[in-house]
Amino acid sequence: MKVSKEVLFALPLIGVAAIASTLAYAQSKLPDTITWTAYDVGSGGYNQAVAIGNALKNKMNVNLRVLPGKNDVSRTVPLRDGQVPFSANGVGGSYMAQEGLYEFGARDWGPQPVRALLLNNSDALLTVVTAKDANIKTMADLKGKRVAWVVGAPALNQNITAMLASANLTWNDVKRVEFGGFGAAMDGIVANQVDAAFASTISGQAFKIAASPRGIQYPVVPHSDKEAWARLRKVAPFYVPQWGAEGADLSATNKVEGATYPYPVLMSMANANGDLVYNMTKAMVELFPEYKDGAPGNVGWDIKRQMFAWAIPMHDGAIKYFKELKVWTDEHQRHNDAIVARQKVLADAWNDYKAKGPSDDKEFAQGWMKARAAALTAAKMEVVVESW
């Protein structure tokens, strides 16, 4: 089955009928305690999870335990190993884990059968955040500047790669500064150790930068520049144009023309219990009025803002609930089936390659890049990222 890039990464926003105002919280059955992983304390995803946890406690007497992880790998390990059922993750732990890219292409990882419950589509941006005194107004202005590289966070680094590509730049055109985690990279801007990093405009660290003597600024990505967008999407096809109106130094009257993607992605693995996934999805939707104002960006969890055809498949438990709401269509199902088929191609390619792969880790990673590309090409599917 041929799946084109246009179909595979189509991102239609689906409008739905308003949910009934009388919410039957008691009908959502969840265990007394649920554990999610999320990004570092202070990140947008962590703050949102805390607000959601408050609503779960107040309305359903359910405790949400949030385990912070400093990068994509540390957030995804507990999910992969069955230690937690859910993660408020980013594009790294979702899309790149599915694809077996970067750290997820290492011998102890490989393509993962990830699934989504809900996507947060807010008015915030996931973009390059810079110190205002560095005078970086466009992505082209990053040339020669100090840019953060977070070890173990392929999503953050790949996203900057895409932003640089939009301006015909690469990491060779900037001064790469390594950090051990997202929080450290953002603190590095305040401490004048680096000029730019990748973050959500609603993260606590973004507000910290804005309040610092350096100030904050977001380089624009013009929506009319088709060539820039073609270069960006070649590296990161999950991106969409967006006017950023929420976050540090942003508002409805002070917007920035940029690019973004859903964040966080509330996700699980394919083998997660279907009833638990169903009830978690149901609780998230029904409790939305209770937590929508609890943290910046929470409006993005609204069922009316959902993308049911994104870069990773939805879990069957979530699909069951969407069908009850009558928002799941045959087109969504075809899209979902196509990505599940893509995951099978990747899994089969990984199993075949790992069984005979070289013992040297560097050689193993390089060989996987070729095996992965060959398998997707043979299946007439887009390779997207061929090397890293």
Protein backbone atom coordinates (compact mmCIF):
# COMPACT_ATOMS: atom_id res chain seq x y z
CA MET A 1 0.00 0.00 0.00
CA LYS A 2 1.48 3.33 -1.02
CA VAL A 3 1.20 6.07 1.56
CA SER A 4 2.18 9.52 0.34
CA LYS A 5 3.79 12.11 2.60
CA GLU A 6 0.79 14.36 2.02
CA VAL A 7 -1.58 11.70 3.38
CA LEU A 8 0.69 10.36 6.09
CA PHE A 9 1.33 13.73 7.66
CA ALA A 10 -1.92 15.49 6.85
CA LEU A 11 -2.92 17.62 9.82
CA PRO A 12 -6.56 18.61 9.47
CA LEU A 13 -8.13 20.25 12.49
CA ILE A 14 -11.44 18.55 13.14
CA GLY A 15 -14.36 20.59 14.41
CA VAL A 16 -16.92 18.71 16.51
CA ALA A 17 -20.20 19.37 18.24
CA ALA A 18 -20.05 20.80 21.74
CA ILE A 19 -19.85 18.26 24.55
CA ALA A 20 -22.90 18.18 26.80
CA SER A 21 -22.56 20.54 29.77
CA THR A 22 -23.66 17.89 32.28
CA LEU A 23 -20.55 15.76 32.68
CA ALA A 24 -20.81 12.24 34.02
CA TYR A 25 -17.47 12.04 35.80
CA ALA A 26 -18.52 8.89 37.64
CA GLN A 27 -18.79 7.04 34.33
CA SER A 28 -15.03 7.36 33.73
CA LYS A 29 -13.44 4.49 35.63
CA LEU A 30 -9.79 4.93 36.53
CA PRO A 31 -7.51 3.42 39.18
CA ASP A 32 -6.89 5.37 42.38
CA THR A 33 -3.44 6.37 41.16
CA ILE A 34 -2.21 6.88 37.59
CA THR A 35 1.37 7.67 36.62
CA TRP A 36 2.49 9.73 33.64
CA THR A 37 5.95 10.73 32.56
CA ALA A 38 6.43 14.32 31.43
CA TYR A 39 9.22 16.79 30.73
CA ASP A 40 11.24 18.55 33.44
CA VAL A 41 9.57 20.39 36.31
CA GLY A 42 8.61 23.83 35.00
CA SER A 43 8.09 22.74 31.40
CA GLY A 44 4.78 23.37 29.69
CA GLY A 45 3.93 19.66 29.63
CA TYR A 46 4.71 19.19 33.30
CA ASN A 47 2.64 22.22 34.33
CA GLN A 48 -0.30 21.00 32.28
CA ALA A 49 -0.09 17.53 33.79
CA VAL A 50 -0.19 19.02 37.29
CA ALA A 51 -3.34 21.00 36.41
CA ILE A 52 -4.95 17.89 34.94
CA GLY A 53 -3.99 16.02 38.10
CA ASN A 54 -5.77 18.60 40.24
CA ALA A 55 -8.96 18.12 38.21
CA LEU A 56 -8.71 14.33 38.46
CA LYS A 57 -8.29 14.58 42.23
CA ASN A 58 -11.06 17.11 42.78
CA LYS A 59 -13.69 15.51 40.54
CA MET A 60 -12.83 11.80 40.50
CA ASN A 61 -10.60 11.31 43.56
CA VAL A 62 -7.87 9.98 41.26
CA ASN A 63 -4.22 10.77 42.02
CA LEU A 64 -2.03 11.64 39.02
CA ARG A 65 1.64 11.03 39.73
CA VAL A 66 3.92 12.89 37.30
CA LEU A 67 7.47 11.60 36.78
CA PRO A 68 9.67 14.28 35.21
CA GLY A 69 12.26 13.30 32.60
CA LYS A 70 15.01 15.56 31.32
CA ASN A 71 14.86 14.31 27.73
CA ASP A 72 12.87 12.20 25.26
CA VAL A 73 14.62 8.95 26.13
CA SER A 74 14.15 9.27 29.89
CA ARG A 75 10.45 10.02 29.41
CA THR A 76 9.96 7.04 27.10
CA VAL A 77 11.94 4.33 28.91
CA PRO A 78 9.29 3.84 31.67
CA LEU A 79 6.59 3.70 28.99
CA ARG A 80 8.44 1.15 26.87
CA ASP A 81 9.27 -0.98 29.91
CA GLY A 82 5.66 -1.03 31.16
CA GLN A 83 6.44 0.92 34.33
CA VAL A 84 3.92 3.64 33.46
CA PRO A 85 0.89 3.49 31.13
CA PHE A 86 1.02 7.05 29.77
CA SER A 87 3.39 9.86 28.88
CA ALA A 88 2.84 13.54 28.12
CA ASN A 89 5.58 13.35 25.54
CA GLY A 90 6.92 15.32 22.62
CA VAL A 91 7.64 14.55 19.02
CA GLY A 92 10.80 12.72 20.07
CA GLY A 93 9.16 10.13 22.28
CA SER A 94 6.28 9.79 19.83
CA TYR A 95 7.22 10.28 16.16
CA MET A 96 10.97 9.67 16.39
CA ALA A 97 10.49 6.66 18.65
CA GLN A 98 8.06 5.25 16.08
CA GLU A 99 10.55 5.84 13.28
CA GLY A 100 13.63 4.48 15.09
CA LEU A 101 15.58 7.70 14.59
CA TYR A 102 18.58 9.14 16.45
CA GLU A 103 18.84 7.72 19.98
CA PHE A 104 15.85 5.53 19.14
CA GLY A 105 17.93 3.88 16.42
CA ALA A 106 20.42 2.54 18.97
CA ARG A 107 20.75 -1.20 19.57
CA ASP A 108 18.69 -1.15 22.79
CA TRP A 109 15.81 0.77 21.19
CA GLY A 110 14.55 0.40 17.65
CA PRO A 111 11.15 1.51 16.25
CA GLN A 112 8.46 1.60 18.92
CA PRO A 113 4.72 0.77 18.57
CA VAL A 114 3.57 4.08 20.04
CA ARG A 115 -0.05 5.24 20.18
CA ALA A 116 -1.73 8.57 20.91
CA LEU A 117 -4.76 9.33 23.08
CA LEU A 118 -5.03 13.08 22.60
CA LEU A 119 -2.90 15.85 21.08
CA ASN A 120 -2.52 19.30 22.57
CA ASN A 121 -3.02 21.95 19.87
CA SER A 122 -2.72 25.28 21.66
CA ASP A 123 -1.91 28.85 20.59
CA ALA A 124 1.63 28.39 21.88
CA LEU A 125 4.60 27.62 19.66
CA LEU A 126 7.28 24.96 19.84
CA THR A 127 10.10 26.89 18.33
CA VAL A 128 13.56 28.34 18.69
CA VAL A 129 13.65 30.60 21.74
CA THR A 130 16.39 33.21 21.78
CA ALA A 131 17.79 35.93 23.99
CA LYS A 132 16.53 39.28 22.78
CA ASP A 133 19.98 40.84 23.18
CA ALA A 134 21.33 38.33 20.63
CA ASN A 135 19.24 40.13 17.97
CA ILE A 136 18.01 36.98 16.26
CA LYS A 137 14.90 38.14 14.40
CA THR A 138 14.82 35.47 11.68
CA MET A 139 16.10 31.92 11.45
CA ALA A 140 18.84 33.18 9.12
CA ASP A 141 20.11 35.34 12.00
CA LEU A 142 21.10 32.16 13.87
CA LYS A 143 24.22 31.97 11.73
CA GLY A 144 27.29 32.21 13.93
CA LYS A 145 25.25 32.22 17.16
CA ARG A 146 25.54 29.82 20.11
CA VAL A 147 22.77 27.21 19.84
CA ALA A 148 21.90 24.57 22.46
CA TRP A 149 22.20 20.85 21.70
CA VAL A 150 20.51 18.70 24.37
CA VAL A 151 22.13 15.30 24.79
CA GLY A 152 19.56 12.49 24.64
CA ALA A 153 16.82 14.73 23.20
CA PRO A 154 16.63 14.01 19.45
CA ALA A 155 13.34 15.88 19.08
CA LEU A 156 14.76 19.15 20.38
CA ASN A 157 17.85 18.84 18.23
CA GLN A 158 16.04 17.66 15.09
CA ASN A 159 13.57 20.52 15.41
CA ILE A 160 16.39 23.04 15.49
CA THR A 161 17.88 21.22 12.49
CA ALA A 162 14.57 21.80 10.67
CA MET A 163 14.43 25.47 11.69
CA LEU A 164 18.01 25.96 10.49
CA ALA A 165 17.14 24.21 7.22
CA SER A 166 14.30 26.65 6.63
CA ALA A 167 17.00 29.34 6.34
CA ASN A 168 19.42 27.14 4.37
CA LEU A 169 21.61 26.66 7.45
CA THR A 170 23.00 23.59 9.22
CA TRP A 171 24.64 22.93 12.59
CA ASN A 172 27.94 23.69 10.89
CA ASP A 173 26.78 27.30 10.55
CA VAL A 174 26.24 27.81 14.29
CA LYS A 175 28.24 27.28 17.49
CA ARG A 176 26.87 24.10 19.06
CA VAL A 177 26.79 24.12 22.88
CA GLU A 178 25.90 20.84 24.61
CA PHE A 179 23.64 20.55 27.67
CA GLY A 180 22.48 17.54 29.66
CA GLY A 181 18.79 18.46 29.69
CA PHE A 182 16.09 20.86 28.53
CA GLY A 183 16.10 22.90 31.75
CA ALA A 184 19.86 23.30 31.68
CA ALA A 185 19.74 24.52 28.08
CA MET A 186 17.12 27.14 28.89
CA ASP A 187 19.03 28.24 31.99
CA GLY A 188 22.04 28.55 29.71
CA ILE A 189 20.31 31.39 27.87
CA VAL A 190 19.74 33.28 31.11
CA ALA A 191 23.35 32.67 32.14
CA ASN A 192 24.61 33.88 28.73
CA GLN A 193 26.17 30.51 27.94
CA VAL A 194 24.11 30.16 24.79
CA ASP A 195 21.90 32.38 22.61
CA ALA A 196 19.19 30.00 21.42
CA ALA A 197 17.45 26.77 22.40
CA PHE A 198 14.30 24.89 21.48
CA ALA A 199 11.26 25.14 23.75
CA SER A 200 7.58 25.81 24.11
CA THR A 201 6.66 29.47 24.44
CA ILE A 202 4.55 28.57 27.49
CA SER A 203 7.26 26.73 29.42
CA GLY A 204 8.21 28.15 32.78
CA GLN A 205 11.75 28.59 31.51
CA ALA A 206 10.54 30.79 28.64
CA PHE A 207 8.94 33.15 31.16
CA LYS A 208 12.17 33.05 33.18
CA ILE A 209 14.16 34.14 30.12
CA ALA A 210 11.65 36.89 29.37
CA ALA A 211 12.04 38.23 32.92
CA SER A 212 15.85 38.09 32.79
CA PRO A 213 18.09 40.99 31.72
CA ARG A 214 18.59 39.29 28.34
CA GLY A 215 14.88 39.20 27.48
CA ILE A 216 13.24 36.84 25.00
CA GLN A 217 12.65 36.84 21.24
CA TYR A 218 11.23 34.33 18.76
CA PRO A 219 12.64 34.22 15.20
CA VAL A 220 9.88 34.32 12.62
CA VAL A 221 9.11 31.63 10.04
CA PRO A 222 7.16 33.48 7.30
CA HIS A 223 4.10 31.50 6.26
CA SER A 224 4.33 32.85 2.71
CA ASP A 225 7.87 31.58 2.13
CA LYS A 226 7.02 28.31 0.39
CA GLU A 227 10.65 27.38 -0.26
CA ALA A 228 11.55 27.80 3.42
CA TRP A 229 8.59 25.64 4.41
CA ALA A 230 9.54 22.96 1.89
CA ARG A 231 13.02 22.78 3.41
CA LEU A 232 11.60 22.71 6.94
CA ARG A 233 9.08 19.96 6.23
CA LYS A 234 11.64 17.83 4.44
CA VAL A 235 13.36 17.50 7.80
CA ALA A 236 10.28 17.70 10.06
CA PRO A 237 7.04 16.88 8.18
CA PHE A 238 4.97 17.10 11.37
CA TYR A 239 5.18 20.91 11.44
CA VAL A 240 2.34 23.31 10.59
CA PRO A 241 2.19 27.12 10.28
CA GLN A 242 0.90 28.90 13.38
CA TRP A 243 0.60 32.38 14.79
CA GLY A 244 1.96 32.17 18.32
CA ALA A 245 -0.34 34.05 20.67
CA GLU A 246 0.30 32.35 24.01
CA GLY A 247 3.43 32.34 26.10
CA ALA A 248 6.18 34.59 27.36
CA ASP A 249 5.82 38.08 25.84
CA LEU A 250 3.04 36.80 23.53
CA SER A 251 -0.65 37.66 23.44
CA ALA A 252 -3.59 38.02 21.08
CA THR A 253 -2.29 41.50 20.22
CA ASN A 254 1.39 40.53 20.13
CA LYS A 255 1.66 37.44 17.93
CA VAL A 256 4.64 35.90 16.20
CA GLU A 257 4.53 34.25 12.78
CA GLY A 258 5.98 30.82 13.29
CA ALA A 259 5.76 27.03 13.07
CA THR A 260 4.73 24.40 15.58
CA TYR A 261 3.33 20.91 16.13
CA PRO A 262 1.13 19.28 18.79
CA TYR A 263 2.65 19.27 22.29
CA PRO A 264 2.30 17.47 24.54
CA VAL A 265 1.11 14.23 23.00
CA LEU A 266 -0.67 12.10 25.58
CA MET A 267 0.55 8.70 24.48
CA SER A 268 0.85 5.04 25.37
CA MET A 269 2.17 1.90 23.73
CA ALA A 270 0.07 -0.29 21.44
CA ASN A 271 -0.21 -2.99 24.12
CA ALA A 272 -1.63 -0.61 26.76
CA ASN A 273 -4.88 -1.86 28.29
CA GLY A 274 -7.73 -0.75 26.03
CA ASP A 275 -10.18 -0.06 28.86
CA LEU A 276 -7.62 2.05 30.72
CA VAL A 277 -6.86 4.04 27.57
CA TYR A 278 -10.58 4.50 26.91
CA ASN A 279 -11.23 5.77 30.41
CA MET A 280 -8.19 8.06 30.46
CA THR A 281 -9.28 9.59 27.16
CA LYS A 282 -12.86 9.96 28.39
CA ALA A 283 -11.73 11.62 31.62
CA MET A 284 -9.48 14.05 29.74
CA VAL A 285 -12.34 15.13 27.50
CA GLU A 286 -15.04 15.29 30.16
CA LEU A 287 -12.85 17.09 32.70
CA PHE A 288 -11.60 19.66 30.18
CA PRO A 289 -13.73 22.53 31.61
CA GLU A 290 -12.16 21.85 35.00
CA TYR A 291 -8.52 22.13 33.91
CA LYS A 292 -8.57 24.27 30.75
CA ASP A 293 -7.52 27.40 32.68
CA GLY A 294 -5.22 25.56 35.09
CA ALA A 295 -2.00 26.00 33.10
CA PRO A 296 -0.82 27.86 29.98
CA GLY A 297 -1.66 25.93 26.81
CA ASN A 298 -4.29 23.67 28.38
CA VAL A 299 -6.87 24.98 25.90
CA GLY A 300 -5.09 22.79 23.34
CA TRP A 301 -6.57 19.62 24.90
CA ASP A 302 -10.07 20.67 23.78
CA ILE A 303 -11.75 17.90 21.78
CA LYS A 304 -12.64 20.57 19.21
CA ARG A 305 -8.93 21.13 18.52
CA GLN A 306 -7.97 17.50 18.02
CA MET A 307 -6.04 16.21 15.00
CA PHE A 308 -7.21 12.67 14.34
CA ALA A 309 -4.80 12.18 11.45
CA TRP A 310 -1.31 12.98 12.66
CA ALA A 311 2.13 11.37 12.48
CA ILE A 312 1.50 8.46 14.89
CA PRO A 313 -1.61 6.27 15.19
CA MET A 314 -4.33 6.66 17.80
CA HIS A 315 -4.85 3.85 20.32
CA ASP A 316 -7.86 1.59 19.80
CA GLY A 317 -9.13 2.51 23.27
CA ALA A 318 -9.16 6.19 22.35
CA ILE A 319 -10.74 5.43 18.98
CA LYS A 320 -13.58 3.61 20.77
CA TYR A 321 -14.37 6.79 22.70
CA PHE A 322 -14.06 9.02 19.62
CA LYS A 323 -16.56 6.78 17.84
CA GLU A 324 -18.99 7.25 20.73
CA LEU A 325 -18.61 11.02 20.28
CA LYS A 326 -19.17 10.51 16.53
CA VAL A 327 -15.97 12.41 15.65
CA TRP A 328 -14.06 9.43 14.20
CA THR A 329 -14.49 8.97 10.44
CA ASP A 330 -13.66 6.29 7.91
CA GLU A 331 -10.94 8.60 6.58
CA HIS A 332 -9.38 8.78 10.04
CA GLN A 333 -9.44 4.99 10.24
CA ARG A 334 -7.74 4.62 6.86
CA HIS A 335 -5.05 7.06 7.94
CA ASN A 336 -4.58 5.20 11.22
CA ASP A 337 -4.33 1.86 9.50
CA ALA A 338 -1.70 3.26 7.12
CA ILE A 339 0.55 4.38 9.97
CA VAL A 340 0.10 1.08 11.81
CA ALA A 341 1.20 -0.60 8.57
CA ARG A 342 4.23 1.72 8.48
CA GLN A 343 5.10 0.68 12.03
CA LYS A 344 4.98 -2.99 10.98
CA VAL A 345 7.37 -2.33 8.09
CA LEU A 346 9.75 -0.60 10.49
CA ALA A 347 9.45 -3.33 13.13
CA ASP A 348 10.08 -6.10 10.60
CA ALA A 349 13.08 -4.24 9.19
CA TRP A 350 14.48 -3.74 12.70
CA ASN A 351 14.09 -7.39 13.68
CA ASP A 352 15.75 -8.56 10.47
CA TYR A 353 18.60 -6.09 10.81
CA LYS A 354 19.25 -6.54 14.53
CA ALA A 355 19.61 -10.30 14.12
CA LYS A 356 22.64 -9.82 11.88
CA GLY A 357 23.81 -6.28 12.71
CA PRO A 358 27.48 -5.56 13.52
CA SER A 359 28.71 -5.54 17.12
CA ASP A 360 30.22 -2.06 16.90
CA ASP A 361 27.57 0.47 18.02
CA LYS A 362 28.52 3.14 15.47
CA GLU A 363 28.51 0.64 12.61
CA PHE A 364 25.23 -0.76 13.88
CA ALA A 365 23.57 2.68 13.80
CA GLN A 366 24.87 3.45 10.33
CA GLY A 367 23.71 0.08 9.05
CA TRP A 368 20.26 0.63 10.52
CA MET A 369 19.91 3.92 8.65
CA LYS A 370 20.43 2.07 5.38
CA ALA A 371 18.23 -0.90 6.32
CA ARG A 372 15.43 1.40 7.46
CA ALA A 373 15.53 3.49 4.29
CA ALA A 374 15.60 0.39 2.10
CA ALA A 375 12.60 -1.18 3.85
CA LEU A 376 10.46 1.96 3.62
CA THR A 377 11.43 2.51 -0.01
CA ALA A 378 10.54 -1.08 -0.87
CA ALA A 379 7.14 -0.57 0.78
CA LYS A 380 6.67 2.66 -1.22
CA MET A 381 6.60 4.74 1.96
CA GLU A 382 8.38 8.03 2.58
CA VAL A 383 11.77 7.66 4.29
CA VAL A 384 11.73 11.30 5.51
CA VAL A 385 14.96 11.11 7.56
CA GLU A 386 17.63 9.04 5.82
CA SER A 387 20.62 9.69 8.09
CA TRP A 388 21.52 11.29 11.40
